[in-house]
Protein backbone atom coordinates (compact mmCIF):
# COMPACT_ATOMS: atom_id res chain seq x y z
CA MET A 1 12.21 -13.20 -18.35
CA ALA A 2 13.85 -14.51 -15.34
CA MET A 3 12.72 -17.33 -13.46
CA PRO A 4 12.12 -15.28 -9.96
CA GLU A 5 10.35 -12.74 -11.85
CA LEU A 6 8.29 -15.43 -13.54
CA ALA A 7 7.59 -17.04 -9.95
CA LEU A 8 6.66 -13.79 -8.66
CA ARG A 9 4.38 -12.83 -11.06
CA GLU A 10 2.43 -16.13 -10.88
CA ILE A 11 1.92 -15.54 -7.05
CA VAL A 12 0.27 -12.00 -7.40
CA GLY A 13 -3.30 -12.41 -6.43
CA LYS A 14 -2.97 -15.50 -4.69
CA THR A 15 -4.00 -16.12 -0.81
CA ILE A 16 -1.18 -17.71 1.27
CA LYS A 17 -2.71 -20.45 3.62
CA ALA A 18 0.45 -21.50 5.51
CA VAL A 19 4.15 -20.94 5.74
CA VAL A 20 5.95 -24.26 5.98
CA CYS A 21 9.67 -24.25 6.95
CA ASP A 22 12.39 -27.01 6.56
CA ALA A 23 12.95 -27.66 10.18
CA ASN A 24 16.34 -28.95 9.44
CA THR A 25 17.89 -26.38 7.60
CA PHE A 26 16.13 -23.09 8.86
CA TYR A 27 18.61 -22.13 11.36
CA GLU A 28 21.66 -23.51 9.34
CA SER A 29 23.42 -21.69 6.36
CA LYS A 30 20.98 -22.86 3.86
CA ARG A 31 17.27 -22.02 4.19
CA ARG A 32 14.38 -23.56 2.98
CA PHE A 33 10.75 -22.63 3.30
CA PHE A 34 7.53 -22.57 1.12
CA LEU A 35 4.62 -20.23 0.82
CA VAL A 36 1.54 -22.44 0.43
CA PHE A 37 -1.65 -20.76 -1.27
CA THR A 38 -5.31 -21.89 -0.85
CA ASP A 39 -5.43 -23.11 -4.47
CA GLY A 40 -3.10 -25.91 -3.57
CA SER A 41 0.14 -24.54 -5.12
CA TYR A 42 3.19 -23.28 -3.34
CA LEU A 43 6.19 -21.37 -3.96
CA GLU A 44 9.67 -22.95 -2.52
CA PHE A 45 12.47 -20.49 -1.40
CA PHE A 46 15.82 -21.75 -1.24
CA GLY A 47 19.62 -20.56 -0.51
CA ASN A 48 22.21 -19.39 1.79
CA ASP A 49 20.66 -15.98 2.17
CA VAL A 50 17.23 -15.80 2.55
CA HIS A 51 16.14 -13.11 5.08
CA CYS A 52 13.31 -10.65 5.80
CA ALA A 53 14.37 -7.06 6.95
CA ASP A 54 11.55 -7.27 9.85
CA GLY A 55 8.10 -8.04 10.29
CA ILE A 56 4.71 -6.99 8.28
CA ASN A 57 4.72 -3.20 7.42
CA TRP A 58 2.14 -0.82 6.88
CA GLY A 59 2.43 1.75 4.23
CA GLY A 60 3.59 1.71 0.38
CA GLY A 61 2.25 3.17 -2.65
CA ASP A 62 3.63 2.78 -6.31
CA GLY A 63 7.07 1.73 -7.64
CA GLU A 64 8.09 5.28 -6.95
CA TRP A 65 7.40 5.37 -3.44
CA TYR A 66 9.32 2.03 -2.69
CA SER A 67 12.38 3.63 -5.12
CA LYS A 68 12.36 6.50 -2.81
CA ARG A 69 11.98 4.91 0.71
CA PHE A 70 14.53 2.06 -0.04
CA SER A 71 16.85 3.64 -2.34
CA ILE A 72 16.41 1.12 -4.92
CA PRO A 73 15.15 0.82 -8.60
CA ALA A 74 11.87 -0.62 -8.08
CA LYS A 75 10.19 -2.84 -10.35
CA VAL A 76 6.34 -3.41 -9.78
CA ILE A 77 5.02 -6.92 -10.52
CA GLY A 78 1.13 -6.73 -10.09
CA ASN A 79 -1.21 -4.11 -9.45
CA LEU A 80 -0.51 -1.73 -6.43
CA SER A 81 -3.74 -0.03 -7.15
CA SER A 82 -6.07 -2.21 -5.78
């Protein structure tokens, strides 16, 4: 299992308490931010190309919905039915 997939599996079911951005790098070519969870753990994002498509969106469904909506092969990590 690839490292990013392992990290994504670990955050399923956690609650985000805060997002911390590195003020020195967030608007430069390399970006770094952390999702901080209520249990005290965090997940760090770092790289040259960290982008969000836009804000929070409503909708969704199963993996097939995402595949059709965004024309991508979707892989579900976690349980979308709950």
